[in-house]
Amino acid sequence: MPCVLAIPRAVQRDEPWANGAGVTTVILREPDDADWRIRVSVAKVEQEGPFSELPGTRRTLVPLDAPMTLRFPGGTTLHASRFEALQFDGSPAPTGLLPEGTTRDFNLMLRGGARGEALPR
């Protein structure tokens, strides 16, 4: 069985979203600079609106409190209930819709050859 370690809140930090529309708690970013390859965070989503444009980023988003729908340019939509994973590219950025109100979402973002997987439980 794999060893799981809690990441202390003291080393996590709140940062504004790239589009300025909210705040996310960064749990892990490696390397810890603008050229990160892996980033894990939890965002509080309090209103519907556009996601940040993140070219070259593979994203996995898991709604934690309520469902979320993503609407992409061109009309494609993805929907996830609580604890279901949505996988999508960071560009073009979707618009986030909150069919049942505010939620927090867990985010795994990967760039370049970084590999990872979110397994909601």
PDB file of N, CA and C in Angstrom:
ATOM      1  N   MET A   1       0.842  -1.171   0.000  1.00  0.00           N
ATOM      2  CA  MET A   1       0.000   0.000   0.000  1.00  0.00           C
ATOM      3  C   MET A   1       0.891   1.239   0.000  1.00  0.00           C
ATOM      4  N   PRO A   2       0.620   2.240  -0.898  1.00  0.00           N
ATOM      5  CA  PRO A   2       1.475   3.419  -0.965  1.00  0.00           C
ATOM      6  C   PRO A   2       1.351   4.265   0.297  1.00  0.00           C
ATOM      7  N   CYS A   3       2.442   4.948   0.610  1.00  0.00           N
ATOM      8  CA  CYS A   3       2.468   5.858   1.751  1.00  0.00           C
ATOM      9  C   CYS A   3       1.877   7.202   1.326  1.00  0.00           C
ATOM     10  N   VAL A   4       0.949   7.723   2.097  1.00  0.00           N
ATOM     11  CA  VAL A   4       0.323   9.006   1.793  1.00  0.00           C
ATOM     12  C   VAL A   4       0.656   9.963   2.930  1.00  0.00           C
ATOM     13  N   LEU A   5       1.217  11.114   2.586  1.00  0.00           N
ATOM     14  CA  LEU A   5       1.583  12.104   3.575  1.00  0.00           C
ATOM     15  C   LEU A   5       0.722  13.346   3.407  1.00  0.00           C
ATOM     16  N   ALA A   6       0.218  13.864   4.500  1.00  0.00           N
ATOM     17  CA  ALA A   6      -0.538  15.117   4.462  1.00  0.00           C
ATOM     18  C   ALA A   6       0.430  16.262   4.209  1.00  0.00           C
ATOM     19  N   ILE A   7       0.003  17.215   3.399  1.00  0.00           N
ATOM     20  CA  ILE A   7       0.802  18.407   3.131  1.00  0.00           C
ATOM     21  C   ILE A   7       0.339  19.484   4.098  1.00  0.00           C
ATOM     22  N   PRO A   8       1.197  19.907   5.011  1.00  0.00           N
ATOM     23  CA  PRO A   8       0.775  20.865   6.043  1.00  0.00           C
ATOM     24  C   PRO A   8       0.261  22.174   5.443  1.00  0.00           C
ATOM     25  N   ARG A   9      -0.804  22.691   6.026  1.00  0.00           N
ATOM     26  CA  ARG A   9      -1.375  23.970   5.568  1.00  0.00           C
ATOM     27  C   ARG A   9      -0.334  25.085   5.609  1.00  0.00           C
ATOM     28  N   ALA A  10       0.614  25.006   6.541  1.00  0.00           N
ATOM     29  CA  ALA A  10       1.627  26.049   6.683  1.00  0.00           C
ATOM     30  C   ALA A  10       2.494  26.207   5.433  1.00  0.00           C
ATOM     31  N   VAL A  11       2.631  25.133   4.624  1.00  0.00           N
ATOM     32  CA  VAL A  11       3.449  25.254   3.409  1.00  0.00           C
ATOM     33  C   VAL A  11       2.596  25.494   2.166  1.00  0.00           C
ATOM     34  N   GLN A  12       1.299  25.476   2.319  1.00  0.00           N
ATOM     35  CA  GLN A  12       0.403  25.821   1.219  1.00  0.00           C
ATOM     36  C   GLN A  12       0.260  27.343   1.183  1.00  0.00           C
ATOM     37  N   ARG A  13      -0.100  27.892   0.027  1.00  0.00           N
ATOM     38  CA  ARG A  13      -0.274  29.338  -0.024  1.00  0.00           C
ATOM     39  C   ARG A  13      -1.399  29.709  -0.979  1.00  0.00           C
ATOM     40  N   ASP A  14      -2.068  30.799  -0.650  1.00  0.00           N
ATOM     41  CA  ASP A  14      -3.137  31.318  -1.491  1.00  0.00           C
ATOM     42  C   ASP A  14      -2.538  32.263  -2.528  1.00  0.00           C
ATOM     43  N   GLU A  15      -2.968  32.081  -3.782  1.00  0.00           N
ATOM     44  CA  GLU A  15      -2.488  32.920  -4.879  1.00  0.00           C
ATOM     45  C   GLU A  15      -3.668  33.303  -5.761  1.00  0.00           C
ATOM     46  N   PRO A  16      -3.617  34.499  -6.365  1.00  0.00           N
ATOM     47  CA  PRO A  16      -4.693  34.896  -7.279  1.00  0.00           C
ATOM     48  C   PRO A  16      -4.652  34.049  -8.552  1.00  0.00           C
ATOM     49  N   TRP A  17      -5.842  33.834  -9.130  1.00  0.00           N
ATOM     50  CA  TRP A  17      -5.908  33.158 -10.422  1.00  0.00           C
ATOM     51  C   TRP A  17      -5.219  34.029 -11.469  1.00  0.00           C
ATOM     52  N   ALA A  18      -4.748  33.402 -12.527  1.00  0.00           N
ATOM     53  CA  ALA A  18      -4.081  34.143 -13.604  1.00  0.00           C
ATOM     54  C   ALA A  18      -5.008  35.197 -14.207  1.00  0.00           C
ATOM     55  N   ASN A  19      -6.328  34.941 -14.213  1.00  0.00           N
ATOM     56  CA  ASN A  19      -7.269  35.917 -14.795  1.00  0.00           C
ATOM     57  C   ASN A  19      -7.787  36.914 -13.755  1.00  0.00           C
ATOM     58  N   GLY A  20      -7.347  36.793 -12.495  1.00  0.00           N
ATOM     59  CA  GLY A  20      -7.732  37.730 -11.453  1.00  0.00           C
ATOM     60  C   GLY A  20      -9.132  37.553 -10.896  1.00  0.00           C
ATOM     61  N   ALA A  21      -9.849  36.510 -11.304  1.00  0.00           N
ATOM     62  CA  ALA A  21     -11.254  36.347 -10.917  1.00  0.00           C
ATOM     63  C   ALA A  21     -11.455  35.565  -9.619  1.00  0.00           C
ATOM     64  N   GLY A  22     -10.377  35.111  -8.983  1.00  0.00           N
ATOM     65  CA  GLY A  22     -10.525  34.349  -7.757  1.00  0.00           C
ATOM     66  C   GLY A  22      -9.175  34.029  -7.151  1.00  0.00           C
ATOM     67  N   VAL A  23      -9.192  33.131  -6.179  1.00  0.00           N
ATOM     68  CA  VAL A  23      -7.982  32.741  -5.457  1.00  0.00           C
ATOM     69  C   VAL A  23      -7.936  31.222  -5.374  1.00  0.00           C
ATOM     70  N   THR A  24      -6.738  30.675  -5.446  1.00  0.00           N
ATOM     71  CA  THR A  24      -6.535  29.241  -5.302  1.00  0.00           C
ATOM     72  C   THR A  24      -5.510  28.989  -4.213  1.00  0.00           C
ATOM     73  N   THR A  25      -5.628  27.866  -3.544  1.00  0.00           N
ATOM     74  CA  THR A  25      -4.631  27.455  -2.562  1.00  0.00           C
ATOM     75  C   THR A  25      -3.680  26.476  -3.241  1.00  0.00           C
ATOM     76  N   VAL A  26      -2.444  26.892  -3.416  1.00  0.00           N
ATOM     77  CA  VAL A  26      -1.435  26.046  -4.054  1.00  0.00           C
ATOM     78  C   VAL A  26      -0.905  25.074  -3.011  1.00  0.00           C
ATOM     79  N   ILE A  27      -1.076  23.795  -3.289  1.00  0.00           N
ATOM     80  CA  ILE A  27      -0.624  22.742  -2.393  1.00  0.00           C
ATOM     81  C   ILE A  27       0.784  22.298  -2.778  1.00  0.00           C
ATOM     82  N   LEU A  28       1.029  22.224  -4.080  1.00  0.00           N
ATOM     83  CA  LEU A  28       2.328  21.791  -4.585  1.00  0.00           C
ATOM     84  C   LEU A  28       2.561  22.422  -5.943  1.00  0.00           C
ATOM     85  N   ARG A  29       3.766  22.898  -6.168  1.00  0.00           N
ATOM     86  CA  ARG A  29       4.173  23.376  -7.495  1.00  0.00           C
ATOM     87  C   ARG A  29       5.637  23.010  -7.644  1.00  0.00           C
ATOM     88  N   GLU A  30       5.948  22.265  -8.715  1.00  0.00           N
ATOM     89  CA  GLU A  30       7.307  21.786  -8.915  1.00  0.00           C
ATOM     90  C   GLU A  30       7.755  22.017 -10.342  1.00  0.00           C
ATOM     91  N   PRO A  31       8.837  22.734 -10.611  1.00  0.00           N
ATOM     92  CA  PRO A  31       9.536  23.531  -9.611  1.00  0.00           C
ATOM     93  C   PRO A  31       8.665  24.697  -9.144  1.00  0.00           C
ATOM     94  N   ASP A  32       9.039  25.285  -8.042  1.00  0.00           N
ATOM     95  CA  ASP A  32       8.222  26.330  -7.418  1.00  0.00           C
ATOM     96  C   ASP A  32       8.525  27.696  -8.031  1.00  0.00           C
ATOM     97  N   ASP A  33       8.200  27.819  -9.323  1.00  0.00           N
ATOM     98  CA  ASP A  33       8.379  29.096 -10.016  1.00  0.00           C
ATOM     99  C   ASP A  33       7.420  29.124 -11.210  1.00  0.00           C
ATOM    100  N   ALA A  34       7.519  30.143 -12.050  1.00  0.00           N
ATOM    101  CA  ALA A  34       6.594  30.314 -13.175  1.00  0.00           C
ATOM    102  C   ALA A  34       6.717  29.205 -14.221  1.00  0.00           C
ATOM    103  N   ASP A  35       7.839  28.481 -14.230  1.00  0.00           N
ATOM    104  CA  ASP A  35       8.044  27.405 -15.202  1.00  0.00           C
ATOM    105  C   ASP A  35       7.716  26.028 -14.631  1.00  0.00           C
ATOM    106  N   TRP A  36       6.728  25.972 -13.724  1.00  0.00           N
ATOM    107  CA  TRP A  36       6.365  24.705 -13.097  1.00  0.00           C
ATOM    108  C   TRP A  36       5.957  23.678 -14.143  1.00  0.00           C
ATOM    109  N   ARG A  37       6.134  22.417 -13.783  1.00  0.00           N
ATOM    110  CA  ARG A  37       5.699  21.300 -14.634  1.00  0.00           C
ATOM    111  C   ARG A  37       4.510  20.572 -14.036  1.00  0.00           C
ATOM    112  N   ILE A  38       4.377  20.640 -12.701  1.00  0.00           N
ATOM    113  CA  ILE A  38       3.226  20.042 -12.023  1.00  0.00           C
ATOM    114  C   ILE A  38       2.739  21.018 -10.962  1.00  0.00           C
ATOM    115  N   ARG A  39       1.432  21.146 -10.902  1.00  0.00           N
ATOM    116  CA  ARG A  39       0.838  22.023  -9.884  1.00  0.00           C
ATOM    117  C   ARG A  39      -0.432  21.357  -9.367  1.00  0.00           C
ATOM    118  N   VAL A  40      -0.577  21.344  -8.051  1.00  0.00           N
ATOM    119  CA  VAL A  40      -1.759  20.797  -7.384  1.00  0.00           C
ATOM    120  C   VAL A  40      -2.334  21.926  -6.540  1.00  0.00           C
ATOM    121  N   SER A  41      -3.640  22.154  -6.658  1.00  0.00           N
ATOM    122  CA  SER A  41      -4.259  23.254  -5.921  1.00  0.00           C
ATOM    123  C   SER A  41      -5.730  22.964  -5.674  1.00  0.00           C
ATOM    124  N   VAL A  42      -6.318  23.778  -4.785  1.00  0.00           N
ATOM    125  CA  VAL A  42      -7.754  23.753  -4.539  1.00  0.00           C
ATOM    126  C   VAL A  42      -8.249  25.186  -4.674  1.00  0.00           C
ATOM    127  N   ALA A  43      -9.255  25.382  -5.514  1.00  0.00           N
ATOM    128  CA  ALA A  43      -9.815  26.711  -5.754  1.00  0.00           C
ATOM    129  C   ALA A  43     -11.242  26.787  -5.244  1.00  0.00           C
ATOM    130  N   LYS A  44     -11.597  27.909  -4.691  1.00  0.00           N
ATOM    131  CA  LYS A  44     -12.989  28.157  -4.321  1.00  0.00           C
ATOM    132  C   LYS A  44     -13.611  28.917  -5.486  1.00  0.00           C
ATOM    133  N   VAL A  45     -14.659  28.339  -6.063  1.00  0.00           N
ATOM    134  CA  VAL A  45     -15.323  28.929  -7.223  1.00  0.00           C
ATOM    135  C   VAL A  45     -16.665  29.469  -6.750  1.00  0.00           C
ATOM    136  N   GLU A  46     -16.751  30.795  -6.657  1.00  0.00           N
ATOM    137  CA  GLU A  46     -17.929  31.435  -6.089  1.00  0.00           C
ATOM    138  C   GLU A  46     -18.870  32.023  -7.131  1.00  0.00           C
ATOM    139  N   GLN A  47     -18.388  32.128  -8.372  1.00  0.00           N
ATOM    140  CA  GLN A  47     -19.256  32.656  -9.429  1.00  0.00           C
ATOM    141  C   GLN A  47     -18.879  32.034 -10.766  1.00  0.00           C
ATOM    142  N   GLU A  48     -19.838  32.009 -11.663  1.00  0.00           N
ATOM    143  CA  GLU A  48     -19.585  31.493 -12.996  1.00  0.00           C
ATOM    144  C   GLU A  48     -18.705  32.477 -13.750  1.00  0.00           C
ATOM    145  N   GLY A  49     -17.853  31.955 -14.636  1.00  0.00           N
ATOM    146  CA  GLY A  49     -17.016  32.841 -15.421  1.00  0.00           C
ATOM    147  C   GLY A  49     -15.906  32.102 -16.126  1.00  0.00           C
ATOM    148  N   PRO A  50     -15.083  32.863 -16.846  1.00  0.00           N
ATOM    149  CA  PRO A  50     -14.022  32.251 -17.652  1.00  0.00           C
ATOM    150  C   PRO A  50     -12.885  31.705 -16.803  1.00  0.00           C
ATOM    151  N   PHE A  51     -12.340  30.586 -17.244  1.00  0.00           N
ATOM    152  CA  PHE A  51     -11.129  30.042 -16.663  1.00  0.00           C
ATOM    153  C   PHE A  51      -9.939  30.824 -17.201  1.00  0.00           C
ATOM    154  N   SER A  52      -8.813  30.713 -16.528  1.00  0.00           N
ATOM    155  CA  SER A  52      -7.570  31.299 -17.018  1.00  0.00           C
ATOM    156  C   SER A  52      -7.092  30.516 -18.233  1.00  0.00           C
ATOM    157  N   GLU A  53      -6.551  31.223 -19.191  1.00  0.00           N
ATOM    158  CA  GLU A  53      -5.955  30.611 -20.385  1.00  0.00           C
ATOM    159  C   GLU A  53      -4.586  30.070 -19.995  1.00  0.00           C
ATOM    160  N   LEU A  54      -4.360  28.760 -20.144  1.00  0.00           N
ATOM    161  CA  LEU A  54      -3.094  28.132 -19.765  1.00  0.00           C
ATOM    162  C   LEU A  54      -2.584  27.243 -20.903  1.00  0.00           C
ATOM    163  N   PRO A  55      -2.045  27.854 -21.968  1.00  0.00           N
ATOM    164  CA  PRO A  55      -1.547  27.066 -23.103  1.00  0.00           C
ATOM    165  C   PRO A  55      -0.477  26.062 -22.663  1.00  0.00           C
ATOM    166  N   GLY A  56      -0.498  24.884 -23.277  1.00  0.00           N
ATOM    167  CA  GLY A  56       0.493  23.864 -22.985  1.00  0.00           C
ATOM    168  C   GLY A  56       0.284  23.144 -21.661  1.00  0.00           C
ATOM    169  N   THR A  57      -0.899  23.300 -21.065  1.00  0.00           N
ATOM    170  CA  THR A  57      -1.192  22.695 -19.764  1.00  0.00           C
ATOM    171  C   THR A  57      -2.303  21.665 -19.911  1.00  0.00           C
ATOM    172  N   ARG A  58      -2.075  20.475 -19.363  1.00  0.00           N
ATOM    173  CA  ARG A  58      -3.104  19.439 -19.297  1.00  0.00           C
ATOM    174  C   ARG A  58      -3.725  19.523 -17.917  1.00  0.00           C
ATOM    175  N   ARG A  59      -5.045  19.603 -17.866  1.00  0.00           N
ATOM    176  CA  ARG A  59      -5.717  19.845 -16.592  1.00  0.00           C
ATOM    177  C   ARG A  59      -6.650  18.702 -16.210  1.00  0.00           C
ATOM    178  N   THR A  60      -6.703  18.403 -14.923  1.00  0.00           N
ATOM    179  CA  THR A  60      -7.726  17.550 -14.344  1.00  0.00           C
ATOM    180  C   THR A  60      -8.366  18.354 -13.216  1.00  0.00           C
ATOM    181  N   LEU A  61      -9.673  18.473 -13.246  1.00  0.00           N
ATOM    182  CA  LEU A  61     -10.428  19.236 -12.252  1.00  0.00           C
ATOM    183  C   LEU A  61     -11.451  18.303 -11.621  1.00  0.00           C
ATOM    184  N   VAL A  62     -11.552  18.345 -10.294  1.00  0.00           N
ATOM    185  CA  VAL A  62     -12.502  17.513  -9.565  1.00  0.00           C
ATOM    186  C   VAL A  62     -13.340  18.421  -8.663  1.00  0.00           C
ATOM    187  N   PRO A  63     -14.645  18.610  -8.964  1.00  0.00           N
ATOM    188  CA  PRO A  63     -15.499  19.398  -8.068  1.00  0.00           C
ATOM    189  C   PRO A  63     -15.642  18.691  -6.719  1.00  0.00           C
ATOM    190  N   LEU A  64     -15.487  19.458  -5.638  1.00  0.00           N
ATOM    191  CA  LEU A  64     -15.517  18.863  -4.305  1.00  0.00           C
ATOM    192  C   LEU A  64     -16.840  19.047  -3.567  1.00  0.00           C
ATOM    193  N   ASP A  65     -17.573  20.123  -3.838  1.00  0.00           N
ATOM    194  CA  ASP A  65     -18.780  20.423  -3.061  1.00  0.00           C
ATOM    195  C   ASP A  65     -20.074  20.353  -3.865  1.00  0.00           C
ATOM    196  N   ALA A  66     -20.000  20.642  -5.147  1.00  0.00           N
ATOM    197  CA  ALA A  66     -21.187  20.694  -6.001  1.00  0.00           C
ATOM    198  C   ALA A  66     -20.746  20.449  -7.438  1.00  0.00           C
ATOM    199  N   PRO A  67     -21.660  20.080  -8.324  1.00  0.00           N
ATOM    200  CA  PRO A  67     -21.299  19.822  -9.716  1.00  0.00           C
ATOM    201  C   PRO A  67     -20.751  21.066 -10.406  1.00  0.00           C
ATOM    202  N   MET A  68     -20.041  20.836 -11.493  1.00  0.00           N
ATOM    203  CA  MET A  68     -19.526  21.923 -12.317  1.00  0.00           C
ATOM    204  C   MET A  68     -19.640  21.523 -13.784  1.00  0.00           C
ATOM    205  N   THR A  69     -19.959  22.498 -14.606  1.00  0.00           N
ATOM    206  CA  THR A  69     -20.005  22.306 -16.052  1.00  0.00           C
ATOM    207  C   THR A  69     -19.001  23.251 -16.689  1.00  0.00           C
ATOM    208  N   LEU A  70     -18.266  22.759 -17.673  1.00  0.00           N
ATOM    209  CA  LEU A  70     -17.334  23.580 -18.430  1.00  0.00           C
ATOM    210  C   LEU A  70     -17.871  23.732 -19.840  1.00  0.00           C
ATOM    211  N   ARG A  71     -17.965  24.977 -20.302  1.00  0.00           N
ATOM    212  CA  ARG A  71     -18.418  25.262 -21.673  1.00  0.00           C
ATOM    213  C   ARG A  71     -17.237  25.846 -22.438  1.00  0.00           C
ATOM    214  N   PHE A  72     -16.874  25.181 -23.522  1.00  0.00           N
ATOM    215  CA  PHE A  72     -15.717  25.578 -24.311  1.00  0.00           C
ATOM    216  C   PHE A  72     -16.143  26.394 -25.522  1.00  0.00           C
ATOM    217  N   PRO A  73     -15.239  27.245 -26.040  1.00  0.00           N
ATOM    218  CA  PRO A  73     -15.542  27.946 -27.286  1.00  0.00           C
ATOM    219  C   PRO A  73     -15.920  26.917 -28.354  1.00  0.00           C
ATOM    220  N   GLY A  74     -16.930  27.193 -29.111  1.00  0.00           N
ATOM    221  CA  GLY A  74     -17.416  26.240 -30.107  1.00  0.00           C
ATOM    222  C   GLY A  74     -18.589  25.425 -29.606  1.00  0.00           C
ATOM    223  N   GLY A  75     -18.899  25.502 -28.283  1.00  0.00           N
ATOM    224  CA  GLY A  75     -20.107  24.878 -27.776  1.00  0.00           C
ATOM    225  C   GLY A  75     -19.955  23.554 -27.063  1.00  0.00           C
ATOM    226  N   THR A  76     -18.781  22.930 -27.088  1.00  0.00           N
ATOM    227  CA  THR A  76     -18.586  21.675 -26.371  1.00  0.00           C
ATOM    228  C   THR A  76     -18.732  21.906 -24.871  1.00  0.00           C
ATOM    229  N   THR A  77     -19.397  20.978 -24.177  1.00  0.00           N
ATOM    230  CA  THR A  77     -19.510  21.077 -22.720  1.00  0.00           C
ATOM    231  C   THR A  77     -19.056  19.775 -22.066  1.00  0.00           C
ATOM    232  N   LEU A  78     -18.511  19.904 -20.876  1.00  0.00           N
ATOM    233  CA  LEU A  78     -18.169  18.768 -20.023  1.00  0.00           C
ATOM    234  C   LEU A  78     -18.858  19.010 -18.688  1.00  0.00           C
ATOM    235  N   HIS A  79     -19.392  17.959 -18.086  1.00  0.00           N
ATOM    236  CA  HIS A  79     -20.078  18.100 -16.803  1.00  0.00           C
ATOM    237  C   HIS A  79     -19.525  17.056 -15.837  1.00  0.00           C
ATOM    238  N   ALA A  80     -19.360  17.458 -14.583  1.00  0.00           N
ATOM    239  CA  ALA A  80     -18.936  16.511 -13.551  1.00  0.00           C
ATOM    240  C   ALA A  80     -19.728  16.757 -12.281  1.00  0.00           C
ATOM    241  N   SER A  81     -20.191  15.686 -11.682  1.00  0.00           N
ATOM    242  CA  SER A  81     -20.782  15.734 -10.356  1.00  0.00           C
ATOM    243  C   SER A  81     -19.647  15.794  -9.339  1.00  0.00           C
ATOM    244  N   ARG A  82     -20.000  15.904  -8.067  1.00  0.00           N
ATOM    245  CA  ARG A  82     -18.968  15.884  -7.030  1.00  0.00           C
ATOM    246  C   ARG A  82     -18.093  14.647  -7.181  1.00  0.00           C
ATOM    247  N   PHE A  83     -16.805  14.857  -7.049  1.00  0.00           N
ATOM    248  CA  PHE A  83     -15.801  13.798  -7.056  1.00  0.00           C
ATOM    249  C   PHE A  83     -15.664  13.070  -8.387  1.00  0.00           C
ATOM    250  N   GLU A  84     -16.147  13.662  -9.464  1.00  0.00           N
ATOM    251  CA  GLU A  84     -15.886  13.137 -10.811  1.00  0.00           C
ATOM    252  C   GLU A  84     -14.831  14.020 -11.464  1.00  0.00           C
ATOM    253  N   ALA A  85     -13.917  13.408 -12.185  1.00  0.00           N
ATOM    254  CA  ALA A  85     -12.807  14.144 -12.790  1.00  0.00           C
ATOM    255  C   ALA A  85     -13.155  14.618 -14.199  1.00  0.00           C
ATOM    256  N   LEU A  86     -12.800  15.879 -14.469  1.00  0.00           N
ATOM    257  CA  LEU A  86     -12.879  16.455 -15.816  1.00  0.00           C
ATOM    258  C   LEU A  86     -11.454  16.641 -16.311  1.00  0.00           C
ATOM    259  N   GLN A  87     -11.156  16.143 -17.508  1.00  0.00           N
ATOM    260  CA  GLN A  87      -9.826  16.327 -18.086  1.00  0.00           C
ATOM    261  C   GLN A  87      -9.959  17.163 -19.344  1.00  0.00           C
ATOM    262  N   PHE A  88      -9.078  18.185 -19.460  1.00  0.00           N
ATOM    263  CA  PHE A  88      -9.146  19.089 -20.604  1.00  0.00           C
ATOM    264  C   PHE A  88      -7.834  19.844 -20.746  1.00  0.00           C
ATOM    265  N   ASP A  89      -7.630  20.426 -21.923  1.00  0.00           N
ATOM    266  CA  ASP A  89      -6.455  21.250 -22.177  1.00  0.00           C
ATOM    267  C   ASP A  89      -6.691  22.651 -21.636  1.00  0.00           C
ATOM    268  N   GLY A  90      -5.608  23.316 -21.249  1.00  0.00           N
ATOM    269  CA  GLY A  90      -5.701  24.653 -20.680  1.00  0.00           C
ATOM    270  C   GLY A  90      -5.988  25.747 -21.692  1.00  0.00           C
ATOM    271  N   SER A  91      -6.000  25.399 -22.971  1.00  0.00           N
ATOM    272  CA  SER A  91      -6.314  26.368 -24.018  1.00  0.00           C
ATOM    273  C   SER A  91      -6.974  25.616 -25.169  1.00  0.00           C
ATOM    274  N   PRO A  92      -8.104  26.092 -25.662  1.00  0.00           N
ATOM    275  CA  PRO A  92      -8.801  27.301 -25.248  1.00  0.00           C
ATOM    276  C   PRO A  92      -9.461  27.109 -23.883  1.00  0.00           C
ATOM    277  N   ALA A  93      -9.485  28.185 -23.123  1.00  0.00           N
ATOM    278  CA  ALA A  93     -10.042  28.130 -21.769  1.00  0.00           C
ATOM    279  C   ALA A  93     -11.564  28.075 -21.815  1.00  0.00           C
ATOM    280  N   PRO A  94     -12.159  27.227 -20.967  1.00  0.00           N
ATOM    281  CA  PRO A  94     -13.620  27.153 -20.907  1.00  0.00           C
ATOM    282  C   PRO A  94     -14.198  28.224 -19.979  1.00  0.00           C
ATOM    283  N   THR A  95     -15.509  28.296 -19.977  1.00  0.00           N
ATOM    284  CA  THR A  95     -16.256  29.061 -18.984  1.00  0.00           C
ATOM    285  C   THR A  95     -16.797  28.057 -17.980  1.00  0.00           C
ATOM    286  N   GLY A  96     -16.621  28.346 -16.689  1.00  0.00           N
ATOM    287  CA  GLY A  96     -17.119  27.468 -15.645  1.00  0.00           C
ATOM    288  C   GLY A  96     -18.539  27.848 -15.264  1.00  0.00           C
ATOM    289  N   LEU A  97     -19.429  26.864 -15.237  1.00  0.00           N
ATOM    290  CA  LEU A  97     -20.828  27.057 -14.853  1.00  0.00           C
ATOM    291  C   LEU A  97     -21.100  26.282 -13.574  1.00  0.00           C
ATOM    292  N   LEU A  98     -21.910  26.859 -12.698  1.00  0.00           N
ATOM    293  CA  LEU A  98     -22.196  26.280 -11.389  1.00  0.00           C
ATOM    294  C   LEU A  98     -23.680  25.966 -11.272  1.00  0.00           C
ATOM    295  N   PRO A  99     -24.120  24.808 -11.790  1.00  0.00           N
ATOM    296  CA  PRO A  99     -25.552  24.504 -11.817  1.00  0.00           C
ATOM    297  C   PRO A  99     -26.212  24.413 -10.446  1.00  0.00           C
ATOM    298  N   GLU A 100     -25.433  24.139  -9.387  1.00  0.00           N
ATOM    299  CA  GLU A 100     -26.009  24.044  -8.043  1.00  0.00           C
ATOM    300  C   GLU A 100     -25.332  24.996  -7.056  1.00  0.00           C
ATOM    301  N   GLY A 101     -24.621  25.987  -7.551  1.00  0.00           N
ATOM    302  CA  GLY A 101     -23.992  26.974  -6.680  1.00  0.00           C
ATOM    303  C   GLY A 101     -22.504  26.759  -6.490  1.00  0.00           C
ATOM    304  N   THR A 102     -21.957  27.509  -5.553  1.00  0.00           N
ATOM    305  CA  THR A 102     -20.507  27.536  -5.350  1.00  0.00           C
ATOM    306  C   THR A 102     -19.942  26.164  -5.027  1.00  0.00           C
ATOM    307  N   THR A 103     -18.655  26.015  -5.324  1.00  0.00           N
ATOM    308  CA  THR A 103     -17.948  24.771  -5.050  1.00  0.00           C
ATOM    309  C   THR A 103     -16.471  25.076  -4.859  1.00  0.00           C
ATOM    310  N   ARG A 104     -15.772  24.128  -4.322  1.00  0.00           N
ATOM    311  CA  ARG A 104     -14.313  24.124  -4.381  1.00  0.00           C
ATOM    312  C   ARG A 104     -13.960  23.073  -5.415  1.00  0.00           C
ATOM    313  N   ASP A 105     -12.820  23.264  -6.095  1.00  0.00           N
ATOM    314  CA  ASP A 105     -12.386  22.209  -7.001  1.00  0.00           C
ATOM    315  C   ASP A 105     -10.907  21.913  -6.801  1.00  0.00           C
ATOM    316  N   PHE A 106     -10.609  20.627  -6.871  1.00  0.00           N
ATOM    317  CA  PHE A 106      -9.239  20.134  -6.813  1.00  0.00           C
ATOM    318  C   PHE A 106      -8.692  20.195  -8.224  1.00  0.00           C
ATOM    319  N   ASN A 107      -7.463  20.693  -8.374  1.00  0.00           N
ATOM    320  CA  ASN A 107      -6.851  20.853  -9.693  1.00  0.00           C
ATOM    321  C   ASN A 107      -5.499  20.163  -9.747  1.00  0.00           C
ATOM    322  N   LEU A 108      -5.300  19.366 -10.781  1.00  0.00           N
ATOM    323  CA  LEU A 108      -3.992  18.821 -11.122  1.00  0.00           C
ATOM    324  C   LEU A 108      -3.651  19.379 -12.488  1.00  0.00           C
ATOM    325  N   MET A 109      -2.526  20.086 -12.589  1.00  0.00           N
ATOM    326  CA  MET A 109      -2.109  20.671 -13.865  1.00  0.00           C
ATOM    327  C   MET A 109      -0.711  20.179 -14.203  1.00  0.00           C
ATOM    328  N   LEU A 110      -0.539  19.744 -15.441  1.00  0.00           N
ATOM    329  CA  LEU A 110       0.722  19.161 -15.895  1.00  0.00           C
ATOM    330  C   LEU A 110       1.187  19.857 -17.161  1.00  0.00           C
ATOM    331  N   ARG A 111       2.505  20.071 -17.259  1.00  0.00           N
ATOM    332  CA  ARG A 111       3.115  20.660 -18.455  1.00  0.00           C
ATOM    333  C   ARG A 111       4.269  19.778 -18.920  1.00  0.00           C
ATOM    334  N   GLY A 112       4.603  19.915 -20.206  1.00  0.00           N
ATOM    335  CA  GLY A 112       5.729  19.176 -20.753  1.00  0.00           C
ATOM    336  C   GLY A 112       5.535  17.683 -20.580  1.00  0.00           C
ATOM    337  N   GLY A 113       6.590  16.992 -20.179  1.00  0.00           N
ATOM    338  CA  GLY A 113       6.528  15.538 -20.013  1.00  0.00           C
ATOM    339  C   GLY A 113       6.052  15.081 -18.645  1.00  0.00           C
ATOM    340  N   ALA A 114       5.586  16.011 -17.812  1.00  0.00           N
ATOM    341  CA  ALA A 114       5.121  15.621 -16.471  1.00  0.00           C
ATOM    342  C   ALA A 114       3.938  14.676 -16.596  1.00  0.00           C
ATOM    343  N   ARG A 115       3.888  13.708 -15.692  1.00  0.00           N
ATOM    344  CA  ARG A 115       2.786  12.743 -15.688  1.00  0.00           C
ATOM    345  C   ARG A 115       2.164  12.711 -14.306  1.00  0.00           C
ATOM    346  N   GLY A 116       0.876  12.484 -14.270  1.00  0.00           N
ATOM    347  CA  GLY A 116       0.171  12.380 -13.007  1.00  0.00           C
ATOM    348  C   GLY A 116      -1.274  12.034 -13.272  1.00  0.00           C
ATOM    349  N   GLU A 117      -1.971  11.674 -12.209  1.00  0.00           N
ATOM    350  CA  GLU A 117      -3.362  11.283 -12.339  1.00  0.00           C
ATOM    351  C   GLU A 117      -4.095  11.612 -11.031  1.00  0.00           C
ATOM    352  N   ALA A 118      -5.266  12.164 -11.148  1.00  0.00           N
ATOM    353  CA  ALA A 118      -6.120  12.410  -9.985  1.00  0.00           C
ATOM    354  C   ALA A 118      -7.118  11.261  -9.906  1.00  0.00           C
ATOM    355  N   LEU A 119      -7.201  10.642  -8.742  1.00  0.00           N
ATOM    356  CA  LEU A 119      -8.108   9.508  -8.544  1.00  0.00           C
ATOM    357  C   LEU A 119      -9.102   9.895  -7.450  1.00  0.00           C
ATOM    358  N   PRO A 120     -10.225  10.524  -7.842  1.00  0.00           N
ATOM    359  CA  PRO A 120     -11.203  10.953  -6.825  1.00  0.00           C
ATOM    360  C   PRO A 120     -11.799   9.758  -6.097  1.00  0.00           C
ATOM    361  N   ARG A 121     -12.016   9.922  -4.801  1.00  0.00           N
ATOM    362  CA  ARG A 121     -12.618   8.853  -3.981  1.00  0.00           C
ATOM    363  C   ARG A 121     -13.709   9.427  -3.140  1.00  0.00           C
TER     364      ARG A 121
END
